[in-house]
C-alpha atoms as a PDB file:
ATOM      1  CA  MET A   1     122.208 103.592  60.658  1.00  0.00           C
ATOM      2  CA  THR A   2     122.749 106.594  62.911  1.00  0.00           C
ATOM      3  CA  ASP A   3     120.848 109.886  62.624  1.00  0.00           C
ATOM      4  CA  VAL A   4     124.041 111.804  63.418  1.00  0.00           C
ATOM      5  CA  LEU A   5     126.022 112.522  60.240  1.00  0.00           C
ATOM      6  CA  GLU A   6     128.943 114.416  61.761  1.00  0.00           C
ATOM      7  CA  LEU A   7     130.364 114.554  65.252  1.00  0.00           C
ATOM      8  CA  PHE A   8     133.058 117.129  66.030  1.00  0.00           C
ATOM      9  CA  GLY A   9     133.489 117.613  62.273  1.00  0.00           C
ATOM     10  CA  GLU A  10     134.102 113.933  61.555  1.00  0.00           C
ATOM     11  CA  SER A  11     131.758 111.867  59.389  1.00  0.00           C
ATOM     12  CA  THR A  12     130.108 109.098  61.402  1.00  0.00           C
ATOM     13  CA  SER A  13     130.355 106.809  58.357  1.00  0.00           C
ATOM     14  CA  ARG A  14     134.107 106.593  58.926  1.00  0.00           C
ATOM     15  CA  THR A  15     135.634 103.675  60.792  1.00  0.00           C
ATOM     16  CA  MET A  16     137.829 105.272  63.418  1.00  0.00           C
ATOM     17  CA  ASN A  17     138.677 105.476  67.098  1.00  0.00           C
ATOM     18  CA  TRP A  18     136.071 107.911  68.407  1.00  0.00           C
ATOM     19  CA  GLN A  19     137.293 108.074  71.996  1.00  0.00           C
ATOM     20  CA  PRO A  20     140.038 110.699  71.444  1.00  0.00           C
ATOM     21  CA  VAL A  21     137.665 112.712  69.214  1.00  0.00           C
ATOM     22  CA  VAL A  22     135.054 112.876  71.960  1.00  0.00           C
ATOM     23  CA  GLN A  23     137.666 113.580  74.628  1.00  0.00           C
ATOM     24  CA  ARG A  24     139.217 116.499  72.697  1.00  0.00           C
ATOM     25  CA  GLN A  25     135.785 118.056  72.055  1.00  0.00           C
ATOM     26  CA  ALA A  26     137.445 120.134  69.309  1.00  0.00           C
ATOM     27  CA  CYS A  27     135.576 121.990  66.568  1.00  0.00           C
ATOM     28  CA  PRO A  28     137.714 121.966  63.388  1.00  0.00           C
ATOM     29  CA  PHE A  29     135.710 124.851  61.948  1.00  0.00           C
ATOM     30  CA  LEU A  30     136.299 127.199  64.890  1.00  0.00           C
ATOM     31  CA  GLY A  31     139.764 125.904  65.673  1.00  0.00           C
ATOM     32  CA  LYS A  32     138.930 125.516  69.356  1.00  0.00           C
ATOM     33  CA  LYS A  33     136.690 123.551  71.731  1.00  0.00           C
ATOM     34  CA  CYS A  34     133.121 123.063  70.504  1.00  0.00           C
ATOM     35  CA  ILE A  35     130.995 125.732  72.183  1.00  0.00           C
ATOM     36  CA  LYS A  36     127.716 123.813  71.947  1.00  0.00           C
ATOM     37  CA  VAL A  37     127.521 122.405  75.470  1.00  0.00           C
ATOM     38  CA  ARG A  38     124.907 120.599  77.546  1.00  0.00           C
ATOM     39  CA  LYS A  39     122.956 122.877  79.883  1.00  0.00           C
ATOM     40  CA  SER A  40     123.134 120.237  82.596  1.00  0.00           C
ATOM     41  CA  GLU A  41     126.867 119.619  81.993  1.00  0.00           C
ATOM     42  CA  PRO A  42     128.485 122.844  80.732  1.00  0.00           C
ATOM     43  CA  THR A  43     131.915 121.194  80.514  1.00  0.00           C
ATOM     44  CA  VAL A  44     130.618 118.623  78.006  1.00  0.00           C
ATOM     45  CA  SER A  45     130.413 119.648  74.352  1.00  0.00           C
ATOM     46  CA  ILE A  46     127.651 118.067  72.279  1.00  0.00           C
ATOM     47  CA  GLY A  47     129.609 118.178  69.033  1.00  0.00           C
ATOM     48  CA  THR A  48     126.815 117.354  66.577  1.00  0.00           C
ATOM     49  CA  CYS A  49     127.334 119.311  63.342  1.00  0.00           C
ATOM     50  CA  SER A  50     124.721 117.671  61.139  1.00  0.00           C
ATOM     51  CA  VAL A  51     121.963 115.091  61.337  1.00  0.00           C
ATOM     52  CA  THR A  52     119.327 113.429  59.183  1.00  0.00           C
ATOM     53  CA  HIS A  53     115.718 114.572  59.134  1.00  0.00           C
ATOM     54  CA  GLY A  54     112.430 112.979  58.120  1.00  0.00           C
ATOM     55  CA  ARG A  55     111.603 109.779  56.297  1.00  0.00           C
ATOM     56  CA  ASN A  56     113.960 110.633  53.452  1.00  0.00           C
ATOM     57  CA  LYS A  57     116.856 111.097  55.868  1.00  0.00           C
ATOM     58  CA  GLN A  58     117.535 114.586  54.530  1.00  0.00           C
ATOM     59  CA  PRO A  59     120.963 115.851  55.683  1.00  0.00           C
ATOM     60  CA  MET A  60     120.537 118.965  57.817  1.00  0.00           C
ATOM     61  CA  LEU A  61     123.053 121.363  59.303  1.00  0.00           C
ATOM     62  CA  ILE A  62     122.225 122.156  62.925  1.00  0.00           C
ATOM     63  CA  CYS A  63     125.385 124.068  63.883  1.00  0.00           C
ATOM     64  CA  PRO A  64     126.035 127.434  62.185  1.00  0.00           C
ATOM     65  CA  PHE A  65     129.802 127.068  62.596  1.00  0.00           C
ATOM     66  CA  ARG A  66     129.682 124.063  60.263  1.00  0.00           C
ATOM     67  CA  LEU A  67     129.251 126.676  57.514  1.00  0.00           C
ATOM     68  CA  LEU A  68     132.805 127.910  58.153  1.00  0.00           C
ATOM     69  CA  GLU A  69     134.286 124.985  56.209  1.00  0.00           C
ATOM     70  CA  LYS A  70     137.526 126.109  54.510  1.00  0.00           C
ATOM     71  CA  ASN A  71     136.374 129.755  54.732  1.00  0.00           C
ATOM     72  CA  LYS A  72     134.275 129.196  51.592  1.00  0.00           C
ATOM     73  CA  ILE A  73     131.515 131.538  52.715  1.00  0.00           C
ATOM     74  CA  PHE A  74     133.963 134.436  53.056  1.00  0.00           C
ATOM     75  CA  LEU A  75     135.511 133.842  49.646  1.00  0.00           C
ATOM     76  CA  ASP A  76     132.007 133.756  48.146  1.00  0.00           C
ATOM     77  CA  CYS A  77     131.409 137.279  49.510  1.00  0.00           C
ATOM     78  CA  LEU A  78     134.574 138.878  48.167  1.00  0.00           C
ATOM     79  CA  HIS A  79     132.756 140.386  45.184  1.00  0.00           C
ATOM     80  CA  LEU A  80     130.636 142.432  47.609  1.00  0.00           C
ATOM     81  CA  LEU A  81     133.718 144.286  48.893  1.00  0.00           C
ATOM     82  CA  LEU A  82     133.444 146.969  46.221  1.00  0.00           C
ATOM     83  CA  LEU A  83     136.376 149.036  47.549  1.00  0.00           C
ATOM     84  CA  HIS A  84     138.734 146.118  48.151  1.00  0.00           C
ATOM     85  CA  GLU A  85     142.017 146.108  46.227  1.00  0.00           C
ATOM     86  CA  PRO A  86     144.788 143.509  45.812  1.00  0.00           C
ATOM     87  CA  GLY A  87     147.259 143.877  48.659  1.00  0.00           C
ATOM     88  CA  ASN A  88     144.652 144.750  51.275  1.00  0.00           C
ATOM     89  CA  GLU A  89     144.361 142.409  54.241  1.00  0.00           C
ATOM     90  CA  LEU A  90     141.136 140.532  54.916  1.00  0.00           C
ATOM     91  CA  HIS A  91     139.899 140.297  58.500  1.00  0.00           C
ATOM     92  CA  VAL A  92     136.803 138.730  60.055  1.00  0.00           C
ATOM     93  CA  PRO A  93     136.109 140.499  63.397  1.00  0.00           C
ATOM     94  CA  GLU A  94     132.754 140.415  65.167  1.00  0.00           C
ATOM     95  CA  VAL A  95     131.129 143.645  66.366  1.00  0.00           C
ATOM     96  CA  SER A  96     127.664 144.852  67.287  1.00  0.00           C
ATOM     97  CA  VAL A  97     125.331 146.986  65.206  1.00  0.00           C
ATOM     98  CA  PRO A  98     121.921 148.428  66.062  1.00  0.00           C
ATOM     99  CA  GLY A  99     119.583 145.459  66.046  1.00  0.00           C
ATOM    100  CA  GLY A 100     122.084 143.014  67.548  1.00  0.00           C
ATOM    101  CA  ASN A 101     125.367 141.259  66.881  1.00  0.00           C
ATOM    102  CA  VAL A 102     126.448 140.325  63.380  1.00  0.00           C
ATOM    103  CA  ASP A 103     128.187 136.947  63.244  1.00  0.00           C
ATOM    104  CA  TYR A 104     131.093 138.083  61.067  1.00  0.00           C
ATOM    105  CA  PHE A 105     132.357 141.107  59.159  1.00  0.00           C
ATOM    106  CA  LEU A 106     134.445 140.317  56.116  1.00  0.00           C
ATOM    107  CA  THR A 107     136.628 143.399  56.273  1.00  0.00           C
ATOM    108  CA  SER A 108     139.100 144.864  53.781  1.00  0.00           C
ATOM    109  CA  VAL A 109     141.940 146.621  55.631  1.00  0.00           C
ATOM    110  CA  LYS A 110     144.830 148.786  54.396  1.00  0.00           C
ATOM    111  CA  ASP A 111     147.421 150.260  56.762  1.00  0.00           C
ATOM    112  CA  ALA A 112     145.293 149.203  59.766  1.00  0.00           C
ATOM    113  CA  LYS A 113     142.336 151.195  58.423  1.00  0.00           C
ATOM    114  CA  VAL A 114     139.025 149.694  57.327  1.00  0.00           C
ATOM    115  CA  VAL A 115     138.433 150.260  53.631  1.00  0.00           C
ATOM    116  CA  ASP A 116     135.238 148.251  53.201  1.00  0.00           C
ATOM    117  CA  PHE A 117     133.215 145.527  54.903  1.00  0.00           C
ATOM    118  CA  VAL A 118     130.394 143.029  54.402  1.00  0.00           C
ATOM    119  CA  GLY A 119     128.231 141.740  57.252  1.00  0.00           C
ATOM    120  CA  ILE A 120     127.689 137.963  57.287  1.00  0.00           C
ATOM    121  CA  GLU A 121     124.987 136.176  59.269  1.00  0.00           C
ATOM    122  CA  LEU A 122     125.027 132.387  59.667  1.00  0.00           C
ATOM    123  CA  GLN A 123     121.796 130.459  60.120  1.00  0.00           C
ATOM    124  CA  THR A 124     121.211 126.723  60.386  1.00  0.00           C
ATOM    125  CA  MET A 125     118.214 124.814  61.683  1.00  0.00           C
ATOM    126  CA  ASP A 126     117.152 124.887  65.307  1.00  0.00           C
ATOM    127  CA  THR A 127     115.840 121.597  66.605  1.00  0.00           C
ATOM    128  CA  THR A 128     112.867 120.681  68.714  1.00  0.00           C
ATOM    129  CA  GLY A 129     113.960 118.329  71.430  1.00  0.00           C
ATOM    130  CA  THR A 130     117.600 117.354  71.811  1.00  0.00           C
ATOM    131  CA  VAL A 131     120.036 115.447  69.614  1.00  0.00           C
ATOM    132  CA  TRP A 132     121.956 114.199  72.661  1.00  0.00           C
ATOM    133  CA  PRO A 133     120.242 110.766  72.766  1.00  0.00           C
ATOM    134  CA  ALA A 134     120.984 110.230  69.060  1.00  0.00           C
ATOM    135  CA  ARG A 135     124.611 111.174  69.694  1.00  0.00           C
ATOM    136  CA  GLN A 136     124.828 108.742  72.596  1.00  0.00           C
ATOM    137  CA  ARG A 137     123.197 105.944  70.603  1.00  0.00           C
ATOM    138  CA  PHE A 138     125.815 106.376  67.888  1.00  0.00           C
ATOM    139  CA  LEU A 139     128.696 106.294  70.364  1.00  0.00           C
ATOM    140  CA  SER A 140     127.163 103.271  72.072  1.00  0.00           C
ATOM    141  CA  GLY A 141     126.952 101.520  68.714  1.00  0.00           C
ATOM    142  CA  VAL A 142     130.688 101.972  68.098  1.00  0.00           C
ATOM    143  CA  GLY A 143     131.514 100.876  71.639  1.00  0.00           C
ATOM    144  CA  GLU A 144     132.529 104.246  73.057  1.00  0.00           C
ATOM    145  CA  VAL A 145     129.817 104.700  75.705  1.00  0.00           C
ATOM    146  CA  SER A 146     127.531 102.472  77.721  1.00  0.00           C
ATOM    147  CA  LEU A 147     123.918 103.640  77.696  1.00  0.00           C
ATOM    148  CA  ARG A 148     121.567 103.430  80.613  1.00  0.00           C
ATOM    149  CA  GLU A 149     118.209 101.938  79.717  1.00  0.00           C
ATOM    150  CA  ASP A 150     116.074 104.960  80.442  1.00  0.00           C
ATOM    151  CA  ARG A 151     113.529 106.973  78.495  1.00  0.00           C
ATOM    152  CA  ALA A 152     116.010 109.710  77.653  1.00  0.00           C
ATOM    153  CA  THR A 153     117.944 107.240  75.513  1.00  0.00           C
ATOM    154  CA  TYR A 154     115.020 106.994  73.102  1.00  0.00           C
ATOM    155  CA  ARG A 155     113.975 110.638  72.902  1.00  0.00           C
ATOM    156  CA  THR A 156     113.808 112.081  69.402  1.00  0.00           C
ATOM    157  CA  TYR A 157     114.368 115.476  67.854  1.00  0.00           C
ATOM    158  CA  GLY A 158     112.754 117.443  65.058  1.00  0.00           C
ATOM    159  CA  MET A 159     113.387 120.532  62.947  1.00  0.00           C
ATOM    160  CA  ASN A 160     111.861 123.783  64.198  1.00  0.00           C
ATOM    161  CA  TRP A 161     111.180 125.193  60.726  1.00  0.00           C
ATOM    162  CA  LYS A 162     108.641 127.863  61.613  1.00  0.00           C
ATOM    163  CA  MET A 163     110.468 129.416  64.549  1.00  0.00           C
ATOM    164  CA  THR A 164     113.879 129.298  62.833  1.00  0.00           C
ATOM    165  CA  ALA A 165     112.538 130.980  59.699  1.00  0.00           C
ATOM    166  CA  LYS A 166     110.559 133.712  61.440  1.00  0.00           C
ATOM    167  CA  THR A 167     113.315 134.532  63.913  1.00  0.00           C
ATOM    168  CA  THR A 168     115.824 134.749  61.049  1.00  0.00           C
ATOM    169  CA  LEU A 169     113.729 137.243  59.076  1.00  0.00           C
ATOM    170  CA  ILE A 170     113.010 139.387  62.132  1.00  0.00           C
ATOM    171  CA  GLN A 171     116.715 139.607  62.969  1.00  0.00           C
ATOM    172  CA  LEU A 172     117.584 140.480  59.377  1.00  0.00           C
ATOM    173  CA  HIS A 173     114.943 143.197  59.353  1.00  0.00           C
ATOM    174  CA  HIS A 174     116.430 144.780  62.476  1.00  0.00           C
ATOM    175  CA  LYS A 175     119.950 144.859  61.004  1.00  0.00           C
ATOM    176  CA  ILE A 176     119.501 145.528  57.293  1.00  0.00           C
ATOM    177  CA  GLN A 177     118.368 149.124  57.939  1.00  0.00           C
ATOM    178  CA  THR A 178     121.841 149.939  59.222  1.00  0.00           C
ATOM    179  CA  PHE A 179     123.650 148.338  56.290  1.00  0.00           C
ATOM    180  CA  GLU A 180     121.469 149.932  53.649  1.00  0.00           C
ATOM    181  CA  ALA A 181     121.817 153.381  55.227  1.00  0.00           C
ATOM    182  CA  ILE A 182     125.610 153.188  54.873  1.00  0.00           C
ATOM    183  CA  ASN A 183     125.525 151.532  51.437  1.00  0.00           C
ATOM    184  CA  ARG A 184     126.962 148.202  52.575  1.00  0.00           C
ATOM    185  CA  HIS A 185     125.874 144.580  52.168  1.00  0.00           C
ATOM    186  CA  LEU A 186     124.484 142.106  54.698  1.00  0.00           C
ATOM    187  CA  VAL A 187     124.615 138.435  53.672  1.00  0.00           C
ATOM    188  CA  LEU A 188     122.536 135.601  55.105  1.00  0.00           C
ATOM    189  CA  VAL A 189     124.460 132.343  54.723  1.00  0.00           C
ATOM    190  CA  THR A 190     122.263 129.305  55.171  1.00  0.00           C
ATOM    191  CA  GLN A 191     121.425 125.824  53.900  1.00  0.00           C
ATOM    192  CA  ASP A 192     119.367 125.627  50.706  1.00  0.00           C
ATOM    193  CA  SER A 193     116.545 123.753  52.460  1.00  0.00           C
ATOM    194  CA  LEU A 194     115.976 126.640  54.883  1.00  0.00           C
ATOM    195  CA  LEU A 195     115.952 129.180  52.064  1.00  0.00           C
ATOM    196  CA  ASP A 196     113.409 126.974  50.253  1.00  0.00           C
ATOM    197  CA  TYR A 197     111.228 127.069  53.360  1.00  0.00           C
ATOM    198  CA  LEU A 198     111.467 130.858  53.529  1.00  0.00           C
ATOM    199  CA  GLN A 199     110.466 131.146  49.875  1.00  0.00           C
ATOM    200  CA  ASN A 200     107.525 128.790  50.295  1.00  0.00           C
ATOM    201  CA  ASN A 201     106.134 130.184  53.550  1.00  0.00           C
ATOM    202  CA  PHE A 202     106.790 133.944  53.440  1.00  0.00           C
ATOM    203  CA  ALA A 203     106.256 136.707  50.901  1.00  0.00           C
ATOM    204  CA  PHE A 204     109.314 136.090  48.726  1.00  0.00           C
ATOM    205  CA  ASP A 205     107.898 136.687  45.239  1.00  0.00           C
ATOM    206  CA  HIS A 206     109.590 140.088  45.032  1.00  0.00           C
ATOM    207  CA  ILE A 207     113.039 138.651  45.845  1.00  0.00           C
ATOM    208  CA  GLY A 208     114.994 137.730  42.732  1.00  0.00           C
ATOM    209  CA  ALA A 209     118.444 136.786  41.471  1.00  0.00           C
ATOM    210  CA  ALA A 210     121.369 138.401  43.252  1.00  0.00           C
ATOM    211  CA  LYS A 211     122.279 141.963  42.275  1.00  0.00           C
ATOM    212  CA  GLN A 212     125.240 143.817  43.748  1.00  0.00           C
ATOM    213  CA  GLY A 213     123.124 146.931  44.147  1.00  0.00           C
ATOM    214  CA  ASN A 214     120.886 145.271  46.723  1.00  0.00           C
ATOM    215  CA  SER A 215     121.892 145.582  50.362  1.00  0.00           C
ATOM    216  CA  MET A 216     120.434 142.203  51.463  1.00  0.00           C
ATOM    217  CA  GLN A 217     122.029 139.111  49.959  1.00  0.00           C
ATOM    218  CA  PHE A 218     121.019 135.467  50.448  1.00  0.00           C
ATOM    219  CA  HIS A 219     123.642 132.744  49.892  1.00  0.00           C
ATOM    220  CA  ALA A 220     122.275 129.199  50.021  1.00  0.00           C
ATOM    221  CA  TYR A 221     124.568 126.194  50.347  1.00  0.00           C
ATOM    222  CA  GLN A 222     123.841 122.590  49.564  1.00  0.00           C
ATOM    223  CA  PHE A 223     125.117 120.055  52.078  1.00  0.00           C
ATOM    224  CA  ARG A 224     126.424 117.060  50.187  1.00  0.00           C
ATOM    225  CA  GLU A 225     128.328 113.804  50.660  1.00  0.00           C
ATOM    226  CA  ARG A 226     131.265 112.592  48.579  1.00  0.00           C
ATOM    227  CA  ASN A 227     133.509 109.620  49.290  1.00  0.00           C
ATOM    228  CA  GLY A 228     132.204 109.315  52.824  1.00  0.00           C
ATOM    229  CA  ALA A 229     132.769 112.977  53.733  1.00  0.00           C
ATOM    230  CA  TYR A 230     130.372 115.922  53.762  1.00  0.00           C
ATOM    231  CA  PHE A 231     130.938 119.374  52.323  1.00  0.00           C
ATOM    232  CA  ILE A 232     129.046 122.573  51.546  1.00  0.00           C
ATOM    233  CA  SER A 233     128.617 124.022  48.061  1.00  0.00           C
ATOM    234  CA  LEU A 234     127.071 127.356  47.049  1.00  0.00           C
ATOM    235  CA  VAL A 235     124.004 126.633  44.911  1.00  0.00           C
ATOM    236  CA  SER A 236     121.932 129.828  44.788  1.00  0.00           C
ATOM    237  CA  ARG A 237     122.087 133.560  45.456  1.00  0.00           C
ATOM    238  CA  LEU A 238     119.189 135.970  45.877  1.00  0.00           C
ATOM    239  CA  SER A 239     118.973 139.605  46.939  1.00  0.00           C
ATOM    240  CA  THR A 240     116.659 142.428  47.914  1.00  0.00           C
ATOM    241  CA  ASP A 241     116.757 145.711  49.829  1.00  0.00           C
ATOM    242  CA  ALA A 242     115.669 146.714  53.328  1.00  0.00           C
ATOM    243  CA  GLU A 243     112.128 147.361  52.194  1.00  0.00           C
ATOM    244  CA  GLY A 244     112.051 143.914  50.611  1.00  0.00           C
ATOM    245  CA  VAL A 245     113.018 142.233  53.884  1.00  0.00           C
ATOM    246  CA  GLY A 246     110.245 144.154  55.636  1.00  0.00           C
ATOM    247  CA  THR A 247     107.774 143.049  52.966  1.00  0.00           C
ATOM    248  CA  CYS A 248     108.524 139.413  53.830  1.00  0.00           C
ATOM    249  CA  LEU A 249     107.186 140.117  57.324  1.00  0.00           C
ATOM    250  CA  GLY A 250     104.709 142.863  56.500  1.00  0.00           C
ATOM    251  CA  LEU A 251     106.814 145.406  58.404  1.00  0.00           C
ATOM    252  CA  LYS A 252     108.048 148.927  57.769  1.00  0.00           C
ATOM    253  CA  ALA A 253     111.578 150.308  57.780  1.00  0.00           C
ATOM    254  CA  GLU A 254     113.330 151.337  61.012  1.00  0.00           C
ATOM    255  CA  PRO A 255     115.685 154.198  61.959  1.00  0.00           C
ATOM    256  CA  LYS A 256     119.219 154.258  60.487  1.00  0.00           C
ATOM    257  CA  VAL A 257     122.682 154.927  61.922  1.00  0.00           C
ATOM    258  CA  ALA A 258     126.037 156.268  60.760  1.00  0.00           C
ATOM    259  CA  PHE A 259     128.818 154.497  58.878  1.00  0.00           C
ATOM    260  CA  GLY A 260     131.541 155.796  61.187  1.00  0.00           C
ATOM    261  CA  ARG A 261     130.219 154.011  64.238  1.00  0.00           C
ATOM    262  CA  ILE A 262     130.689 150.562  62.699  1.00  0.00           C
ATOM    263  CA  VAL A 263     134.109 151.410  61.214  1.00  0.00           C
ATOM    264  CA  SER A 264     135.317 152.582  64.625  1.00  0.00           C
ATOM    265  CA  GLN A 265     134.270 149.291  66.240  1.00  0.00           C
ATOM    266  CA  LEU A 266     135.835 147.218  63.459  1.00  0.00           C
ATOM    267  CA  GLU A 267     139.202 148.963  63.683  1.00  0.00           C
ATOM    268  CA  LYS A 268     139.344 148.368  67.452  1.00  0.00           C
ATOM    269  CA  LYS A 269     138.847 144.630  66.874  1.00  0.00           C
ATOM    270  CA  LEU A 270     141.543 144.153  64.193  1.00  0.00           C
ATOM    271  CA  SER A 271     144.331 141.773  65.222  1.00  0.00           C
ATOM    272  CA  GLU A 272     146.338 138.794  64.027  1.00  0.00           C
ATOM    273  CA  ARG A 273     143.506 136.622  65.354  1.00  0.00           C
ATOM    274  CA  THR A 274     140.929 138.248  63.059  1.00  0.00           C
ATOM    275  CA  LEU A 275     143.154 138.010  59.972  1.00  0.00           C
ATOM    276  CA  LEU A 276     141.474 135.720  57.443  1.00  0.00           C
ATOM    277  CA  GLN A 277     143.667 132.706  56.696  1.00  0.00           C
ATOM    278  CA  ILE A 278     143.151 130.974  53.358  1.00  0.00           C
ATOM    279  CA  PRO A 279     143.688 127.209  53.795  1.00  0.00           C
END
């Protein structure tokens, strides 16, 4: 049994011709070539979306773009667009805010003007080591590649729980100040296992069930298998404010910025390409 659950969006439990899949190197969630490439071979996409972890073979998402399945995460944030009205367009441009880039902005637009927006951050697990050998072992097993008998073939990977969790909270703390100052929401979209780790290893006792009035929202998705295919499903929502995020890390609030600066950037990025398509 392979440790790789999905390669280029396809379940490895399927019986299929993998050669054209590997040659196309296409990510079905981004709608373009997979951008996770080998450092030593930048023209070669790795393509691993999810893998198993530990003795229990827990399914783990290791590519954040895997969370884009059928635009579910955007639809699950619609209720946070408090000024959105039927007839408005929905766009998902990417712009920068103080504290760094935000992965996506779910943006309500009327007459080419931004009415409201929600910031959405994607976070999946970082690995220790590389999943490339596991990928190659799978492809060798289905007859698509011929492996060289070297040590790299047998290297393993692990889940970098501590670093992933701490880095995530630090980045959220940098950005949530901006969103709270302009009375908008920032949503962390992640797998339920990572949120469980955050709750168990950081000061999360003050963070409760989701409330629209809180600027920081946590959306946790379960990664499940059905009929040989994997899918994500929203299983829990939590929320807090900027001070609450700082409490997780024992930090204080940071300076705030104006609403107009973000709106100006969003409106410059609006195009047919950013228009949210509902499959």
